[in-house]
Amino acid sequence: AHYGALATAGGIAVLAGNFLLGSQLDRALTPS
C-alpha cells in the first residue's frame, strides 16, 4: 500500500504538472 501510494502520488504530480506547465513550454520552442 505504501509503495502504491508513492507511485500514485508521482502519477498525480505528472498529470497535474504536465497539464499546467505543458502550455508554458510552447514559449520555449524559439530562442527568446
PDB file of all heavy atoms in Angstrom:
ATOM      1  N   ALA A   1       0.828  -1.204   0.000  1.00  0.00           N
ATOM      2  CA  ALA A   1       0.000   0.000   0.000  1.00  0.00           C
ATOM      3  C   ALA A   1       0.866   1.258   0.000  1.00  0.00           C
ATOM      4  O   ALA A   1       0.540   2.245  -0.670  1.00  0.00           O
ATOM      5  CB  ALA A   1      -0.922  -0.004   1.208  1.00  0.00           C
ATOM      6  N   HIS A   2       1.962   1.232   0.751  1.00  0.00           N
ATOM      7  CA  HIS A   2       2.825   2.410   0.815  1.00  0.00           C
ATOM      8  C   HIS A   2       3.550   2.647  -0.512  1.00  0.00           C
ATOM      9  O   HIS A   2       3.647   3.788  -0.980  1.00  0.00           O
ATOM     10  CB  HIS A   2       3.832   2.267   1.963  1.00  0.00           C
ATOM     11  CG  HIS A   2       3.246   2.563   3.309  1.00  0.00           C
ATOM     12  ND1 HIS A   2       2.336   1.734   3.936  1.00  0.00           N
ATOM     13  CD2 HIS A   2       3.432   3.620   4.152  1.00  0.00           C
ATOM     14  CE1 HIS A   2       1.994   2.258   5.098  1.00  0.00           C
ATOM     15  NE2 HIS A   2       2.647   3.398   5.256  1.00  0.00           N
ATOM     16  N   TYR A   3       4.062   1.577  -1.103  1.00  0.00           N
ATOM     17  CA  TYR A   3       4.705   1.748  -2.414  1.00  0.00           C
ATOM     18  C   TYR A   3       3.675   2.159  -3.466  1.00  0.00           C
ATOM     19  O   TYR A   3       3.976   2.948  -4.373  1.00  0.00           O
ATOM     20  CB  TYR A   3       5.413   0.459  -2.834  1.00  0.00           C
ATOM     21  CG  TYR A   3       6.780   0.298  -2.217  1.00  0.00           C
ATOM     22  CD1 TYR A   3       7.043  -0.702  -1.294  1.00  0.00           C
ATOM     23  CD2 TYR A   3       7.826   1.152  -2.562  1.00  0.00           C
ATOM     24  CE1 TYR A   3       8.291  -0.852  -0.716  1.00  0.00           C
ATOM     25  CE2 TYR A   3       9.083   1.009  -2.000  1.00  0.00           C
ATOM     26  CZ  TYR A   3       9.312  -0.005  -1.078  1.00  0.00           C
ATOM     27  OH  TYR A   3      10.552  -0.143  -0.513  1.00  0.00           O
ATOM     28  N   GLY A   4       2.458   1.634  -3.349  1.00  0.00           N
ATOM     29  CA  GLY A   4       1.411   2.038  -4.267  1.00  0.00           C
ATOM     30  C   GLY A   4       1.060   3.504  -4.117  1.00  0.00           C
ATOM     31  O   GLY A   4       0.860   4.214  -5.110  1.00  0.00           O
ATOM     32  N   ALA A   5       0.985   3.982  -2.879  1.00  0.00           N
ATOM     33  CA  ALA A   5       0.709   5.398  -2.638  1.00  0.00           C
ATOM     34  C   ALA A   5       1.828   6.266  -3.197  1.00  0.00           C
ATOM     35  O   ALA A   5       1.575   7.339  -3.759  1.00  0.00           O
ATOM     36  CB  ALA A   5       0.538   5.646  -1.138  1.00  0.00           C
ATOM     37  N   LEU A   6       3.069   5.807  -3.046  1.00  0.00           N
ATOM     38  CA  LEU A   6       4.211   6.554  -3.583  1.00  0.00           C
ATOM     39  C   LEU A   6       4.107   6.685  -5.096  1.00  0.00           C
ATOM     40  O   LEU A   6       4.299   7.769  -5.663  1.00  0.00           O
ATOM     41  CB  LEU A   6       5.506   5.836  -3.196  1.00  0.00           C
ATOM     42  CG  LEU A   6       6.816   6.546  -3.532  1.00  0.00           C
ATOM     43  CD1 LEU A   6       7.037   7.737  -2.607  1.00  0.00           C
ATOM     44  CD2 LEU A   6       7.996   5.578  -3.409  1.00  0.00           C
ATOM     45  N   ALA A   7       3.792   5.570  -5.773  1.00  0.00           N
ATOM     46  CA  ALA A   7       3.668   5.591  -7.221  1.00  0.00           C
ATOM     47  C   ALA A   7       2.488   6.446  -7.669  1.00  0.00           C
ATOM     48  O   ALA A   7       2.581   7.213  -8.635  1.00  0.00           O
ATOM     49  CB  ALA A   7       3.515   4.159  -7.752  1.00  0.00           C
ATOM     50  N   THR A   8       1.376   6.340  -6.968  1.00  0.00           N
ATOM     51  CA  THR A   8       0.179   7.095  -7.340  1.00  0.00           C
ATOM     52  C   THR A   8       0.396   8.595  -7.169  1.00  0.00           C
ATOM     53  O   THR A   8      -0.034   9.389  -8.004  1.00  0.00           O
ATOM     54  CB  THR A   8      -1.018   6.634  -6.499  1.00  0.00           C
ATOM     55  OG1 THR A   8      -1.239   5.237  -6.725  1.00  0.00           O
ATOM     56  CG2 THR A   8      -2.271   7.401  -6.878  1.00  0.00           C
ATOM     57  N   ALA A   9       1.080   8.984  -6.094  1.00  0.00           N
ATOM     58  CA  ALA A   9       1.367  10.409  -5.893  1.00  0.00           C
ATOM     59  C   ALA A   9       2.223  10.952  -7.031  1.00  0.00           C
ATOM     60  O   ALA A   9       2.002  12.071  -7.514  1.00  0.00           O
ATOM     61  CB  ALA A   9       2.074  10.616  -4.548  1.00  0.00           C
ATOM     62  N   GLY A  10       3.196  10.147  -7.478  1.00  0.00           N
ATOM     63  CA  GLY A  10       4.011  10.569  -8.611  1.00  0.00           C
ATOM     64  C   GLY A  10       3.193  10.703  -9.875  1.00  0.00           C
ATOM     65  O   GLY A  10       3.366  11.658 -10.650  1.00  0.00           O
ATOM     66  N   GLY A  11       2.265   9.762 -10.092  1.00  0.00           N
ATOM     67  CA  GLY A  11       1.409   9.845 -11.271  1.00  0.00           C
ATOM     68  C   GLY A  11       0.525  11.077 -11.259  1.00  0.00           C
ATOM     69  O   GLY A  11       0.330  11.730 -12.287  1.00  0.00           O
ATOM     70  N   ILE A  12      -0.021  11.409 -10.090  1.00  0.00           N
ATOM     71  CA  ILE A  12      -0.850  12.612  -9.975  1.00  0.00           C
ATOM     72  C   ILE A  12      -0.015  13.865 -10.252  1.00  0.00           C
ATOM     73  O   ILE A  12      -0.468  14.802 -10.931  1.00  0.00           O
ATOM     74  CB  ILE A  12      -1.492  12.682  -8.581  1.00  0.00           C
ATOM     75  CG1 ILE A  12      -2.518  11.556  -8.407  1.00  0.00           C
ATOM     76  CG2 ILE A  12      -2.155  14.041  -8.354  1.00  0.00           C
ATOM     77  CD1 ILE A  12      -3.064  11.438  -7.001  1.00  0.00           C
ATOM     78  N   ALA A  13       1.220  13.886  -9.750  1.00  0.00           N
ATOM     79  CA  ALA A  13       2.093  15.045  -9.974  1.00  0.00           C
ATOM     80  C   ALA A  13       2.385  15.229 -11.458  1.00  0.00           C
ATOM     81  O   ALA A  13       2.385  16.359 -11.968  1.00  0.00           O
ATOM     82  CB  ALA A  13       3.399  14.871  -9.197  1.00  0.00           C
ATOM     83  N   VAL A  14       2.629  14.129 -12.161  1.00  0.00           N
ATOM     84  CA  VAL A  14       2.896  14.214 -13.598  1.00  0.00           C
ATOM     85  C   VAL A  14       1.656  14.697 -14.345  1.00  0.00           C
ATOM     86  O   VAL A  14       1.735  15.564 -15.221  1.00  0.00           O
ATOM     87  CB  VAL A  14       3.361  12.856 -14.150  1.00  0.00           C
ATOM     88  CG1 VAL A  14       3.487  12.907 -15.673  1.00  0.00           C
ATOM     89  CG2 VAL A  14       4.697  12.470 -13.534  1.00  0.00           C
ATOM     90  N   LEU A  15       0.512  14.132 -13.999  1.00  0.00           N
ATOM     91  CA  LEU A  15      -0.735  14.512 -14.674  1.00  0.00           C
ATOM     92  C   LEU A  15      -1.026  15.994 -14.486  1.00  0.00           C
ATOM     93  O   LEU A  15      -1.291  16.723 -15.461  1.00  0.00           O
ATOM     94  CB  LEU A  15      -1.878  13.664 -14.125  1.00  0.00           C
ATOM     95  CG  LEU A  15      -3.269  13.913 -14.712  1.00  0.00           C
ATOM     96  CD1 LEU A  15      -3.284  13.652 -16.204  1.00  0.00           C
ATOM     97  CD2 LEU A  15      -4.311  13.043 -14.005  1.00  0.00           C
ATOM     98  N   ALA A  16      -0.964  16.471 -13.245  1.00  0.00           N
ATOM     99  CA  ALA A  16      -1.269  17.878 -12.965  1.00  0.00           C
ATOM    100  C   ALA A  16      -0.176  18.796 -13.493  1.00  0.00           C
ATOM    101  O   ALA A  16      -0.461  19.825 -14.121  1.00  0.00           O
ATOM    102  CB  ALA A  16      -1.449  18.080 -11.457  1.00  0.00           C
ATOM    103  N   GLY A  17       1.096  18.422 -13.244  1.00  0.00           N
ATOM    104  CA  GLY A  17       2.203  19.276 -13.658  1.00  0.00           C
ATOM    105  C   GLY A  17       2.303  19.416 -15.162  1.00  0.00           C
ATOM    106  O   GLY A  17       2.498  20.522 -15.685  1.00  0.00           O
ATOM    107  N   ASN A  18       2.180  18.305 -15.893  1.00  0.00           N
ATOM    108  CA  ASN A  18       2.250  18.383 -17.355  1.00  0.00           C
ATOM    109  C   ASN A  18       1.112  19.212 -17.931  1.00  0.00           C
ATOM    110  O   ASN A  18       1.290  19.962 -18.895  1.00  0.00           O
ATOM    111  CB  ASN A  18       2.220  16.978 -17.954  1.00  0.00           C
ATOM    112  CG  ASN A  18       3.570  16.290 -17.896  1.00  0.00           C
ATOM    113  OD1 ASN A  18       4.512  16.800 -17.304  1.00  0.00           O
ATOM    114  ND2 ASN A  18       3.654  15.127 -18.496  1.00  0.00           N
ATOM    115  N   PHE A  19      -0.076  19.067 -17.344  1.00  0.00           N
ATOM    116  CA  PHE A  19      -1.212  19.833 -17.845  1.00  0.00           C
ATOM    117  C   PHE A  19      -1.017  21.330 -17.605  1.00  0.00           C
ATOM    118  O   PHE A  19      -1.303  22.157 -18.477  1.00  0.00           O
ATOM    119  CB  PHE A  19      -2.497  19.355 -17.175  1.00  0.00           C
ATOM    120  CG  PHE A  19      -3.725  20.134 -17.596  1.00  0.00           C
ATOM    121  CD1 PHE A  19      -4.221  20.021 -18.878  1.00  0.00           C
ATOM    122  CD2 PHE A  19      -4.358  20.986 -16.698  1.00  0.00           C
ATOM    123  CE1 PHE A  19      -5.348  20.740 -19.270  1.00  0.00           C
ATOM    124  CE2 PHE A  19      -5.476  21.712 -17.073  1.00  0.00           C
ATOM    125  CZ  PHE A  19      -5.977  21.588 -18.364  1.00  0.00           C
ATOM    126  N   LEU A  20      -0.516  21.682 -16.422  1.00  0.00           N
ATOM    127  CA  LEU A  20      -0.356  23.094 -16.081  1.00  0.00           C
ATOM    128  C   LEU A  20       0.837  23.736 -16.779  1.00  0.00           C
ATOM    129  O   LEU A  20       0.783  24.905 -17.173  1.00  0.00           O
ATOM    130  CB  LEU A  20      -0.214  23.252 -14.565  1.00  0.00           C
ATOM    131  CG  LEU A  20      -1.451  22.873 -13.733  1.00  0.00           C
ATOM    132  CD1 LEU A  20      -1.122  22.917 -12.247  1.00  0.00           C
ATOM    133  CD2 LEU A  20      -2.619  23.799 -14.051  1.00  0.00           C
ATOM    134  N   LEU A  21       1.929  22.970 -16.935  1.00  0.00           N
ATOM    135  CA  LEU A  21       3.160  23.536 -17.488  1.00  0.00           C
ATOM    136  C   LEU A  21       3.337  23.266 -18.967  1.00  0.00           C
ATOM    137  O   LEU A  21       4.189  23.882 -19.612  1.00  0.00           O
ATOM    138  CB  LEU A  21       4.364  23.000 -16.718  1.00  0.00           C
ATOM    139  CG  LEU A  21       4.422  23.351 -15.230  1.00  0.00           C
ATOM    140  CD1 LEU A  21       5.597  22.654 -14.565  1.00  0.00           C
ATOM    141  CD2 LEU A  21       4.528  24.860 -15.042  1.00  0.00           C
ATOM    142  N   GLY A  22       2.564  22.319 -19.513  1.00  0.00           N
ATOM    143  CA  GLY A  22       2.731  21.982 -20.923  1.00  0.00           C
ATOM    144  C   GLY A  22       2.529  23.174 -21.836  1.00  0.00           C
ATOM    145  O   GLY A  22       3.293  23.393 -22.786  1.00  0.00           O
ATOM    146  N   SER A  23       1.496  23.978 -21.567  1.00  0.00           N
ATOM    147  CA  SER A  23       1.244  25.152 -22.401  1.00  0.00           C
ATOM    148  C   SER A  23       2.359  26.179 -22.262  1.00  0.00           C
ATOM    149  O   SER A  23       2.659  26.920 -23.208  1.00  0.00           O
ATOM    150  CB  SER A  23      -0.100  25.778 -22.027  1.00  0.00           C
ATOM    151  OG  SER A  23      -0.121  26.163 -20.662  1.00  0.00           O
ATOM    152  N   GLN A  24       3.002  26.244 -21.086  1.00  0.00           N
ATOM    153  CA  GLN A  24       4.113  27.168 -20.889  1.00  0.00           C
ATOM    154  C   GLN A  24       5.309  26.806 -21.770  1.00  0.00           C
ATOM    155  O   GLN A  24       6.055  27.685 -22.218  1.00  0.00           O
ATOM    156  CB  GLN A  24       4.530  27.182 -19.420  1.00  0.00           C
ATOM    157  CG  GLN A  24       3.462  27.645 -18.454  1.00  0.00           C
ATOM    158  CD  GLN A  24       3.076  29.096 -18.688  1.00  0.00           C
ATOM    159  OE1 GLN A  24       3.935  29.959 -18.851  1.00  0.00           O
ATOM    160  NE2 GLN A  24       1.778  29.351 -18.738  1.00  0.00           N
ATOM    161  N   LEU A  25       5.476  25.524 -22.024  1.00  0.00           N
ATOM    162  CA  LEU A  25       6.619  25.085 -22.831  1.00  0.00           C
ATOM    163  C   LEU A  25       6.514  25.531 -24.285  1.00  0.00           C
ATOM    164  O   LEU A  25       7.519  25.541 -25.001  1.00  0.00           O
ATOM    165  CB  LEU A  25       6.761  23.566 -22.760  1.00  0.00           C
ATOM    166  CG  LEU A  25       7.356  23.031 -21.455  1.00  0.00           C
ATOM    167  CD1 LEU A  25       7.210  21.521 -21.377  1.00  0.00           C
ATOM    168  CD2 LEU A  25       8.829  23.419 -21.338  1.00  0.00           C
ATOM    169  N   ASP A  26       5.312  25.909 -24.740  1.00  0.00           N
ATOM    170  CA  ASP A  26       5.193  26.452 -26.091  1.00  0.00           C
ATOM    171  C   ASP A  26       6.057  27.701 -26.249  1.00  0.00           C
ATOM    172  O   ASP A  26       6.530  27.996 -27.354  1.00  0.00           O
ATOM    173  CB  ASP A  26       3.732  26.795 -26.398  1.00  0.00           C
ATOM    174  CG  ASP A  26       2.885  25.547 -26.623  1.00  0.00           C
ATOM    175  OD1 ASP A  26       3.455  24.490 -26.952  1.00  0.00           O
ATOM    176  OD2 ASP A  26       1.645  25.635 -26.455  1.00  0.00           O
ATOM    177  N   ARG A  27       6.278  28.420 -25.155  1.00  0.00           N
ATOM    178  CA  ARG A  27       7.094  29.636 -25.195  1.00  0.00           C
ATOM    179  C   ARG A  27       8.572  29.316 -25.375  1.00  0.00           C
ATOM    180  O   ARG A  27       9.362  30.200 -25.741  1.00  0.00           O
ATOM    181  CB  ARG A  27       6.898  30.434 -23.914  1.00  0.00           C
ATOM    182  CG  ARG A  27       5.447  30.805 -23.639  1.00  0.00           C
ATOM    183  CD  ARG A  27       5.212  31.178 -22.188  1.00  0.00           C
ATOM    184  NE  ARG A  27       5.960  32.351 -21.771  1.00  0.00           N
ATOM    185  CZ  ARG A  27       6.045  32.776 -20.513  1.00  0.00           C
ATOM    186  NH1 ARG A  27       5.435  32.092 -19.540  1.00  0.00           N
ATOM    187  NH2 ARG A  27       6.735  33.849 -20.215  1.00  0.00           N
ATOM    188  N   ALA A  28       8.955  28.067 -25.090  1.00  0.00           N
ATOM    189  CA  ALA A  28      10.362  27.681 -25.147  1.00  0.00           C
ATOM    190  C   ALA A  28      10.754  27.066 -26.483  1.00  0.00           C
ATOM    191  O   ALA A  28      11.872  26.587 -26.639  1.00  0.00           O
ATOM    192  CB  ALA A  28      10.681  26.698 -24.019  1.00  0.00           C
ATOM    193  N   LEU A  29       9.864  27.099 -27.463  1.00  0.00           N
ATOM    194  CA  LEU A  29      10.166  26.485 -28.756  1.00  0.00           C
ATOM    195  C   LEU A  29      11.118  27.321 -29.596  1.00  0.00           C
ATOM    196  O   LEU A  29      11.800  26.792 -30.480  1.00  0.00           O
ATOM    197  CB  LEU A  29       8.864  26.253 -29.539  1.00  0.00           C
ATOM    198  CG  LEU A  29       7.999  25.075 -29.069  1.00  0.00           C
ATOM    199  CD1 LEU A  29       6.621  25.132 -29.707  1.00  0.00           C
ATOM    200  CD2 LEU A  29       8.695  23.757 -29.408  1.00  0.00           C
ATOM    201  N   THR A  30      11.174  28.631 -29.344  1.00  0.00           N
ATOM    202  CA  THR A  30      12.066  29.515 -30.087  1.00  0.00           C
ATOM    203  C   THR A  30      12.923  30.310 -29.105  1.00  0.00           C
ATOM    204  O   THR A  30      12.465  30.651 -28.007  1.00  0.00           O
ATOM    205  CB  THR A  30      11.258  30.502 -30.957  1.00  0.00           C
ATOM    206  OG1 THR A  30      10.328  31.216 -30.137  1.00  0.00           O
ATOM    207  CG2 THR A  30      10.505  29.756 -32.050  1.00  0.00           C
ATOM    208  N   PRO A  31      14.176  30.608 -29.473  1.00  0.00           N
ATOM    209  CA  PRO A  31      15.067  31.356 -28.563  1.00  0.00           C
ATOM    210  C   PRO A  31      14.513  32.746 -28.265  1.00  0.00           C
ATOM    211  O   PRO A  31      14.255  33.536 -29.170  1.00  0.00           O
ATOM    212  CB  PRO A  31      16.380  31.442 -29.353  1.00  0.00           C
ATOM    213  CG  PRO A  31      16.309  30.345 -30.361  1.00  0.00           C
ATOM    214  CD  PRO A  31      14.860  30.213 -30.716  1.00  0.00           C
ATOM    215  N   SER A  32      14.312  33.038 -26.991  1.00  0.00           N
ATOM    216  CA  SER A  32      13.822  34.342 -26.564  1.00  0.00           C
ATOM    217  C   SER A  32      13.910  34.404 -25.049  1.00  0.00           C
ATOM    218  O   SER A  32      14.125  33.389 -24.378  1.00  0.00           O
ATOM    219  CB  SER A  32      12.374  34.574 -27.008  1.00  0.00           C
ATOM    220  OG  SER A  32      11.512  33.672 -26.337  1.00  0.00           O
TER     221      SER A  32
END
